[in-house]
Amino acid sequence: MKKGIHPEEYRMVVFKDLSCDYAFLSRSCAVTKDTIQWEDGNEYPLIKLEISSESHPFFTGKMKFIDTAGRIDKFNKKFAKFAKKKQDEPGNEAAETPAENQEA
């Protein structure tokens, strides 16, 4: 291997999947300010993950929706006023079907 191209600070790090509280200890050179107490009593740097093999549908076989940042609520709150306007407009009746329009 070539010298001088590999990172010097290669250490044990805890990776934690926040969606299912799954954590594992591995080696990494990723930079982080957070730390966590591991099962062996030692303190290790902590890397927070949104998804891992424990929560990804490919590995679990289950489709599970993960909304860690509240993005759906934020979207619904932002665009709720537009949905109300559309329903309140005259002539915009969602229950009316094309077959009913032809008979009238």
Protein backbone atom coordinates (compact mmCIF):
# COMPACT_ATOMS: atom_id res chain seq x y z
CA MET A 1 0.00 0.00 0.00
CA LYS A 2 1.09 3.56 -0.61
CA LYS A 3 2.33 5.51 2.38
CA GLY A 4 0.77 8.81 3.41
CA ILE A 5 -2.64 8.34 1.73
CA HIS A 6 -4.45 6.58 4.57
CA PRO A 7 -6.01 8.45 7.52
CA GLU A 8 -3.98 8.49 10.72
CA GLU A 9 -6.88 8.82 13.17
CA TYR A 10 -8.59 5.45 12.66
CA ARG A 11 -10.41 4.61 15.89
CA MET A 12 -13.39 2.75 17.39
CA VAL A 13 -16.68 4.63 16.87
CA VAL A 14 -20.30 3.87 17.82
CA PHE A 15 -22.84 4.21 14.99
CA LYS A 16 -26.43 4.66 16.23
CA ASP A 17 -29.56 4.35 14.09
CA LEU A 18 -31.95 6.91 15.59
CA SER A 19 -35.05 5.42 13.95
CA CYS A 20 -34.86 2.10 15.83
CA ASP A 21 -32.29 2.69 18.61
CA TYR A 22 -29.86 0.16 17.13
CA ALA A 23 -26.17 0.82 17.76
CA PHE A 24 -22.98 -0.95 16.74
CA LEU A 25 -19.30 -0.44 17.38
CA SER A 26 -16.93 -0.27 14.41
CA ARG A 27 -13.73 1.39 13.29
CA SER A 28 -13.90 4.74 11.49
CA CYS A 29 -12.08 8.00 10.94
CA ALA A 30 -15.31 10.06 10.68
CA VAL A 31 -15.19 13.30 12.68
CA THR A 32 -17.81 13.92 15.38
CA LYS A 33 -18.20 15.95 18.57
CA ASP A 34 -20.74 13.61 20.21
CA THR A 35 -19.74 10.76 22.51
CA ILE A 36 -21.60 7.85 24.09
CA GLN A 37 -20.98 5.33 26.86
CA TRP A 38 -20.81 1.85 25.30
CA GLU A 39 -21.75 -1.51 26.86
CA ASP A 40 -18.13 -2.20 27.88
CA GLY A 41 -18.08 0.97 30.02
CA ASN A 42 -15.79 2.95 27.72
CA GLU A 43 -16.73 6.23 26.06
CA TYR A 44 -16.57 6.33 22.25
CA PRO A 45 -17.30 8.95 19.58
CA LEU A 46 -20.92 8.75 18.30
CA ILE A 47 -22.07 8.94 14.68
CA LYS A 48 -25.86 9.36 14.34
CA LEU A 49 -27.56 7.58 11.43
CA GLU A 50 -31.07 8.01 10.05
CA ILE A 51 -31.15 4.51 8.57
CA SER A 52 -29.13 1.31 8.92
CA SER A 53 -29.50 -2.37 8.05
CA GLU A 54 -31.84 -2.72 11.06
CA SER A 55 -34.35 -0.21 9.67
CA HIS A 56 -33.86 -0.34 5.88
CA PRO A 57 -36.73 -2.11 4.04
CA PHE A 58 -34.32 -4.07 1.82
CA PHE A 59 -32.78 -5.81 4.83
CA THR A 60 -35.87 -6.05 7.06
CA GLY A 61 -38.39 -7.05 4.40
CA LYS A 62 -40.88 -4.61 5.92
CA MET A 63 -41.90 -1.27 4.51
CA LYS A 64 -41.65 1.18 7.36
CA PHE A 65 -41.95 4.94 7.02
CA ILE A 66 -39.40 6.93 9.00
CA ASP A 67 -39.99 10.63 9.56
CA THR A 68 -37.17 11.70 11.86
CA ALA A 69 -37.31 15.40 11.18
CA GLY A 70 -41.11 15.90 11.20
CA ARG A 71 -41.02 16.73 7.50
CA ILE A 72 -44.55 15.50 6.81
CA ASP A 73 -46.09 17.60 9.57
CA LYS A 74 -44.11 20.61 8.38
CA PHE A 75 -45.32 20.08 4.80
CA ASN A 76 -48.97 19.60 5.83
CA LYS A 77 -48.89 22.70 8.01
CA LYS A 78 -47.34 24.79 5.23
CA PHE A 79 -49.79 23.75 2.51
CA ALA A 80 -52.99 23.23 4.58
CA LYS A 81 -54.36 26.64 3.56
CA PHE A 82 -54.14 25.74 -0.14
CA ALA A 83 -56.05 22.47 0.34
CA LYS A 84 -58.88 24.30 2.12
CA LYS A 85 -59.19 26.90 -0.65
CA LYS A 86 -59.44 24.23 -3.31
CA GLN A 87 -62.24 22.37 -1.48
CA ASP A 88 -64.20 25.59 -0.78
CA GLU A 89 -64.26 26.79 -4.42
CA PRO A 90 -67.69 26.55 -6.10
CA GLY A 91 -67.86 24.00 -8.90
CA ASN A 92 -65.06 21.92 -7.37
CA GLU A 93 -66.95 18.98 -6.03
CA ALA A 94 -64.80 15.91 -5.55
CA ALA A 95 -67.79 13.56 -5.16
CA GLU A 96 -69.06 14.27 -8.68
CA THR A 97 -68.04 11.63 -11.24
CA PRO A 98 -67.90 12.01 -15.05
CA ALA A 99 -70.94 9.70 -15.45
CA GLU A 100 -73.04 12.04 -13.31
CA ASN A 101 -71.97 15.04 -15.40
CA GLN A 102 -73.14 13.43 -18.64
CA GLU A 103 -76.66 12.72 -17.34
CA ALA A 104 -77.31 16.33 -16.27
